[in-house]
Structures are given as structure tokens and as C-alpha cells.
């Protein structure tokens, strides 16, 4: 899978959900937005600082 926003913290965050439209557009949805109003559901990309960022464990 190609990273749509390679410099964004969202690409590596455990809270992100990658949404791809039928037309091929890619959006990164923040899971924290469901329970915390400080976070935008679809933050403008790229994100370089975020209080909710948690690095996804990679194997």
C-alpha cells in the first residue's frame, strides 16, 4: 500500500483509518475524533504535531 501522505504523523498512528473513495481519493480519518472534540475527524494533511499521536507497532 502506497502512503498517501508520507510525511504525516497520521500515517504511523494507531488511531488512523485510511479511507479510499471510489474515485481513488485517499483520506485519513482520526479515530480520536469520535470521543474527543480536540481532534478533527479528517485533519488537514500533512500533520506534523498531534497531542493524540501514538506510534503504531510495526513488525
PDB file of N, CA and C in Angstrom:
ATOM      1  N   UNK A   1       0.838  -1.173   0.000  1.00  0.00           N
ATOM      2  CA  UNK A   1       0.000   0.000   0.000  1.00  0.00           C
ATOM      3  C   UNK A   1       0.890   1.245   0.000  1.00  0.00           C
ATOM      4  N   UNK A   2       0.609   2.141  -0.909  1.00  0.00           N
ATOM      5  CA  UNK A   2       1.338   3.395  -1.021  1.00  0.00           C
ATOM      6  C   UNK A   2       0.843   4.363   0.037  1.00  0.00           C
ATOM      7  N   UNK A   3       1.766   5.073   0.648  1.00  0.00           N
ATOM      8  CA  UNK A   3       1.388   6.073   1.626  1.00  0.00           C
ATOM      9  C   UNK A   3       0.961   7.340   0.911  1.00  0.00           C
ATOM     10  N   UNK A   4      -0.247   7.790   1.204  1.00  0.00           N
ATOM     11  CA  UNK A   4      -0.777   8.988   0.558  1.00  0.00           C
ATOM     12  C   UNK A   4      -0.109  10.255   1.079  1.00  0.00           C
ATOM     13  N   UNK A   5       0.261  10.267   2.355  1.00  0.00           N
ATOM     14  CA  UNK A   5       0.856  11.434   2.990  1.00  0.00           C
ATOM     15  C   UNK A   5       2.099  10.974   3.766  1.00  0.00           C
ATOM     16  N   UNK A   6       3.197  10.688   3.080  1.00  0.00           N
ATOM     17  CA  UNK A   6       4.350  10.056   3.731  1.00  0.00           C
ATOM     18  C   UNK A   6       4.974  10.861   4.857  1.00  0.00           C
ATOM     19  N   UNK A   7       4.831  12.190   4.873  1.00  0.00           N
ATOM     20  CA  UNK A   7       5.444  12.988   5.936  1.00  0.00           C
ATOM     21  C   UNK A   7       4.501  13.229   7.110  1.00  0.00           C
ATOM     22  N   UNK A   8       3.279  12.742   7.027  1.00  0.00           N
ATOM     23  CA  UNK A   8       2.286  12.983   8.073  1.00  0.00           C
ATOM     24  C   UNK A   8       2.400  11.973   9.209  1.00  0.00           C
ATOM     25  N   UNK A   9       2.266  12.461  10.448  1.00  0.00           N
ATOM     26  CA  UNK A   9       2.244  11.562  11.603  1.00  0.00           C
ATOM     27  C   UNK A   9       1.093  10.561  11.508  1.00  0.00           C
ATOM     28  N   UNK A  10       0.004  10.987  10.898  1.00  0.00           N
ATOM     29  CA  UNK A  10      -1.179  10.124  10.799  1.00  0.00           C
ATOM     30  C   UNK A  10      -0.852   8.779  10.156  1.00  0.00           C
ATOM     31  N   UNK A  11       0.051   8.770   9.204  1.00  0.00           N
ATOM     32  CA  UNK A  11       0.412   7.521   8.508  1.00  0.00           C
ATOM     33  C   UNK A  11       0.916   6.458   9.473  1.00  0.00           C
ATOM     34  N   UNK A  12       1.492   6.887  10.603  1.00  0.00           N
ATOM     35  CA  UNK A  12       2.108   5.948  11.545  1.00  0.00           C
ATOM     36  C   UNK A  12       1.342   5.826  12.860  1.00  0.00           C
ATOM     37  N   UNK A  13       0.157   6.421  12.930  1.00  0.00           N
ATOM     38  CA  UNK A  13      -0.591   6.477  14.189  1.00  0.00           C
ATOM     39  C   UNK A  13      -1.558   5.303  14.332  1.00  0.00           C
ATOM     40  N   UNK A  14      -1.703   4.823  15.563  1.00  0.00           N
ATOM     41  CA  UNK A  14      -2.622   3.713  15.832  1.00  0.00           C
ATOM     42  C   UNK A  14      -4.086   4.126  15.681  1.00  0.00           C
ATOM     43  N   UNK A  15      -4.374   5.417  15.734  1.00  0.00           N
ATOM     44  CA  UNK A  15      -5.754   5.898  15.698  1.00  0.00           C
ATOM     45  C   UNK A  15      -6.278   6.161  14.287  1.00  0.00           C
ATOM     46  N   UNK A  16      -5.440   6.004  13.280  1.00  0.00           N
ATOM     47  CA  UNK A  16      -5.833   6.368  11.918  1.00  0.00           C
ATOM     48  C   UNK A  16      -6.612   5.248  11.223  1.00  0.00           C
ATOM     49  N   UNK A  17      -7.526   5.682  10.380  1.00  0.00           N
ATOM     50  CA  UNK A  17      -8.225   4.760   9.480  1.00  0.00           C
ATOM     51  C   UNK A  17      -8.112   5.350   8.082  1.00  0.00           C
ATOM     52  N   UNK A  18      -7.583   4.574   7.164  1.00  0.00           N
ATOM     53  CA  UNK A  18      -7.388   5.037   5.782  1.00  0.00           C
ATOM     54  C   UNK A  18      -8.671   4.786   5.004  1.00  0.00           C
ATOM     55  N   UNK A  19      -9.211   5.850   4.417  1.00  0.00           N
ATOM     56  CA  UNK A  19     -10.442   5.768   3.645  1.00  0.00           C
ATOM     57  C   UNK A  19     -10.103   6.069   2.191  1.00  0.00           C
ATOM     58  N   UNK A  20     -10.498   5.185   1.279  1.00  0.00           N
ATOM     59  CA  UNK A  20     -10.279   5.419  -0.148  1.00  0.00           C
ATOM     60  C   UNK A  20     -11.628   5.463  -0.856  1.00  0.00           C
ATOM     61  N   UNK A  21     -11.841   6.546  -1.602  1.00  0.00           N
ATOM     62  CA  UNK A  21     -13.112   6.707  -2.316  1.00  0.00           C
ATOM     63  C   UNK A  21     -13.120   5.856  -3.583  1.00  0.00           C
ATOM     64  N   UNK A  22     -14.298   5.753  -4.180  1.00  0.00           N
ATOM     65  CA  UNK A  22     -14.429   5.018  -5.436  1.00  0.00           C
ATOM     66  C   UNK A  22     -13.609   5.659  -6.551  1.00  0.00           C
ATOM     67  N   UNK A  23     -13.350   6.936  -6.415  1.00  0.00           N
ATOM     68  CA  UNK A  23     -12.571   7.669  -7.421  1.00  0.00           C
ATOM     69  C   UNK A  23     -11.069   7.642  -7.153  1.00  0.00           C
ATOM     70  N   UNK A  24     -10.660   6.984  -6.070  1.00  0.00           N
ATOM     71  CA  UNK A  24      -9.242   6.850  -5.771  1.00  0.00           C
ATOM     72  C   UNK A  24      -8.677   7.896  -4.831  1.00  0.00           C
ATOM     73  N   UNK A  25      -9.505   8.822  -4.349  1.00  0.00           N
ATOM     74  CA  UNK A  25      -9.026   9.805  -3.373  1.00  0.00           C
ATOM     75  C   UNK A  25      -8.795   9.110  -2.036  1.00  0.00           C
ATOM     76  N   UNK A  26      -7.766   9.545  -1.308  1.00  0.00           N
ATOM     77  CA  UNK A  26      -7.429   8.942  -0.024  1.00  0.00           C
ATOM     78  C   UNK A  26      -7.610   9.973   1.084  1.00  0.00           C
ATOM     79  N   UNK A  27      -8.264   9.550   2.163  1.00  0.00           N
ATOM     80  CA  UNK A  27      -8.491  10.387   3.336  1.00  0.00           C
ATOM     81  C   UNK A  27      -8.016   9.623   4.562  1.00  0.00           C
ATOM     82  N   UNK A  28      -7.475  10.349   5.527  1.00  0.00           N
ATOM     83  CA  UNK A  28      -7.056   9.730   6.775  1.00  0.00           C
ATOM     84  C   UNK A  28      -8.003  10.195   7.874  1.00  0.00           C
ATOM     85  N   UNK A  29      -8.715   9.249   8.456  1.00  0.00           N
ATOM     86  CA  UNK A  29      -9.712   9.553   9.476  1.00  0.00           C
ATOM     87  C   UNK A  29      -9.113   9.301  10.859  1.00  0.00           C
ATOM     88  N   UNK A  30      -9.292  10.263  11.758  1.00  0.00           N
ATOM     89  CA  UNK A  30      -8.773  10.138  13.118  1.00  0.00           C
ATOM     90  C   UNK A  30      -9.811   9.487  14.015  1.00  0.00           C
ATOM     91  N   UNK A  31      -9.470   8.359  14.589  1.00  0.00           N
ATOM     92  CA  UNK A  31     -10.374   7.649  15.488  1.00  0.00           C
ATOM     93  C   UNK A  31     -10.623   8.385  16.794  1.00  0.00           C
ATOM     94  N   UNK A  32      -9.715   9.255  17.191  1.00  0.00           N
ATOM     95  CA  UNK A  32      -9.891  10.005  18.428  1.00  0.00           C
ATOM     96  C   UNK A  32     -11.035  11.015  18.330  1.00  0.00           C
ATOM     97  N   UNK A  33     -11.372  11.426  17.124  1.00  0.00           N
ATOM     98  CA  UNK A  33     -12.430  12.423  16.921  1.00  0.00           C
ATOM     99  C   UNK A  33     -13.790  11.921  17.385  1.00  0.00           C
ATOM    100  N   UNK A  34     -13.967  10.634  17.467  1.00  0.00           N
ATOM    101  CA  UNK A  34     -15.256  10.079  17.916  1.00  0.00           C
ATOM    102  C   UNK A  34     -15.543  10.395  19.376  1.00  0.00           C
ATOM    103  N   UNK A  35     -14.492  10.519  20.183  1.00  0.00           N
ATOM    104  CA  UNK A  35     -14.685  10.700  21.623  1.00  0.00           C
ATOM    105  C   UNK A  35     -14.050  11.964  22.184  1.00  0.00           C
ATOM    106  N   UNK A  36     -13.280  12.680  21.381  1.00  0.00           N
ATOM    107  CA  UNK A  36     -12.557  13.860  21.869  1.00  0.00           C
ATOM    108  C   UNK A  36     -12.674  14.990  20.850  1.00  0.00           C
ATOM    109  N   UNK A  37     -13.360  16.059  21.223  1.00  0.00           N
ATOM    110  CA  UNK A  37     -13.614  17.172  20.309  1.00  0.00           C
ATOM    111  C   UNK A  37     -12.361  17.961  19.923  1.00  0.00           C
ATOM    112  N   UNK A  38     -11.240  17.719  20.590  1.00  0.00           N
ATOM    113  CA  UNK A  38      -9.991  18.406  20.218  1.00  0.00           C
ATOM    114  C   UNK A  38      -9.461  17.932  18.867  1.00  0.00           C
ATOM    115  N   UNK A  39      -9.911  16.779  18.420  1.00  0.00           N
ATOM    116  CA  UNK A  39      -9.389  16.190  17.192  1.00  0.00           C
ATOM    117  C   UNK A  39     -10.407  16.285  16.062  1.00  0.00           C
ATOM    118  N   UNK A  40      -9.913  16.610  14.872  1.00  0.00           N
ATOM    119  CA  UNK A  40     -10.769  16.681  13.685  1.00  0.00           C
ATOM    120  C   UNK A  40     -10.918  15.284  13.091  1.00  0.00           C
ATOM    121  N   UNK A  41     -12.117  14.995  12.590  1.00  0.00           N
ATOM    122  CA  UNK A  41     -12.377  13.682  12.004  1.00  0.00           C
ATOM    123  C   UNK A  41     -11.443  13.427  10.816  1.00  0.00           C
ATOM    124  N   UNK A  42     -11.286  14.433   9.963  1.00  0.00           N
ATOM    125  CA  UNK A  42     -10.384  14.336   8.813  1.00  0.00           C
ATOM    126  C   UNK A  42      -9.423  15.521   8.881  1.00  0.00           C
ATOM    127  N   UNK A  43      -8.318  15.378   9.638  1.00  0.00           N
ATOM    128  CA  UNK A  43      -7.394  16.510   9.794  1.00  0.00           C
ATOM    129  C   UNK A  43      -6.718  16.867   8.470  1.00  0.00           C
ATOM    130  N   UNK A  44      -6.523  18.171   8.240  1.00  0.00           N
ATOM    131  CA  UNK A  44      -5.794  18.586   7.033  1.00  0.00           C
ATOM    132  C   UNK A  44      -4.397  17.958   7.042  1.00  0.00           C
ATOM    133  N   UNK A  45      -3.980  17.464   5.926  1.00  0.00           N
ATOM    134  CA  UNK A  45      -2.690  16.776   5.822  1.00  0.00           C
ATOM    135  C   UNK A  45      -1.656  17.657   5.146  1.00  0.00           C
ATOM    136  N   UNK A  46      -0.396  17.503   5.498  1.00  0.00           N
ATOM    137  CA  UNK A  46       0.170  16.570   6.471  1.00  0.00           C
ATOM    138  C   UNK A  46       0.111  17.130   7.887  1.00  0.00           C
ATOM    139  N   UNK A  47       0.020  16.227   8.871  1.00  0.00           N
ATOM    140  CA  UNK A  47       0.044  16.583  10.289  1.00  0.00           C
ATOM    141  C   UNK A  47       1.465  16.347  10.789  1.00  0.00           C
ATOM    142  N   UNK A  48       2.062  17.387  11.405  1.00  0.00           N
ATOM    143  CA  UNK A  48       3.439  17.269  11.908  1.00  0.00           C
ATOM    144  C   UNK A  48       3.507  17.234  13.433  1.00  0.00           C
ATOM    145  N   UNK A  49       2.428  17.709  14.099  1.00  0.00           N
ATOM    146  CA  UNK A  49       2.357  17.640  15.564  1.00  0.00           C
ATOM    147  C   UNK A  49       0.932  17.275  15.952  1.00  0.00           C
ATOM    148  N   UNK A  50       0.806  16.363  16.920  1.00  0.00           N
ATOM    149  CA  UNK A  50      -0.527  15.952  17.356  1.00  0.00           C
ATOM    150  C   UNK A  50      -0.439  15.408  18.784  1.00  0.00           C
ATOM    151  N   UNK A  51      -1.290  15.942  19.664  1.00  0.00           N
ATOM    152  CA  UNK A  51      -1.302  15.505  21.063  1.00  0.00           C
ATOM    153  C   UNK A  51      -1.758  14.053  21.211  1.00  0.00           C
ATOM    154  N   UNK A  52      -2.503  13.542  20.249  1.00  0.00           N
ATOM    155  CA  UNK A  52      -3.018  12.182  20.330  1.00  0.00           C
ATOM    156  C   UNK A  52      -2.180  11.135  19.623  1.00  0.00           C
ATOM    157  N   UNK A  53      -1.080  11.550  19.017  1.00  0.00           N
ATOM    158  CA  UNK A  53      -0.262  10.615  18.235  1.00  0.00           C
ATOM    159  C   UNK A  53       0.299   9.501  19.099  1.00  0.00           C
ATOM    160  N   UNK A  54       0.078   8.271  18.661  1.00  0.00           N
ATOM    161  CA  UNK A  54       0.681   7.079  19.278  1.00  0.00           C
ATOM    162  C   UNK A  54       1.215   6.221  18.132  1.00  0.00           C
ATOM    163  N   UNK A  55       2.518   5.977  18.184  1.00  0.00           N
ATOM    164  CA  UNK A  55       3.189   5.209  17.133  1.00  0.00           C
ATOM    165  C   UNK A  55       2.612   3.812  17.019  1.00  0.00           C
ATOM    166  N   UNK A  56       2.279   3.416  15.812  1.00  0.00           N
ATOM    167  CA  UNK A  56       1.784   2.070  15.535  1.00  0.00           C
ATOM    168  C   UNK A  56       2.953   1.104  15.613  1.00  0.00           C
ATOM    169  N   UNK A  57       2.761  -0.019  16.278  1.00  0.00           N
ATOM    170  CA  UNK A  57       3.805  -1.048  16.371  1.00  0.00           C
ATOM    171  C   UNK A  57       3.959  -1.696  14.997  1.00  0.00           C
ATOM    172  N   UNK A  58       5.157  -1.781  14.527  1.00  0.00           N
ATOM    173  CA  UNK A  58       5.444  -2.408  13.221  1.00  0.00           C
ATOM    174  C   UNK A  58       6.227  -3.684  13.470  1.00  0.00           C
ATOM    175  N   UNK A  59       5.897  -4.700  12.699  1.00  0.00           N
ATOM    176  CA  UNK A  59       6.625  -5.973  12.858  1.00  0.00           C
ATOM    177  C   UNK A  59       7.602  -6.190  11.749  1.00  0.00           C
TER     178      UNK A  59
END
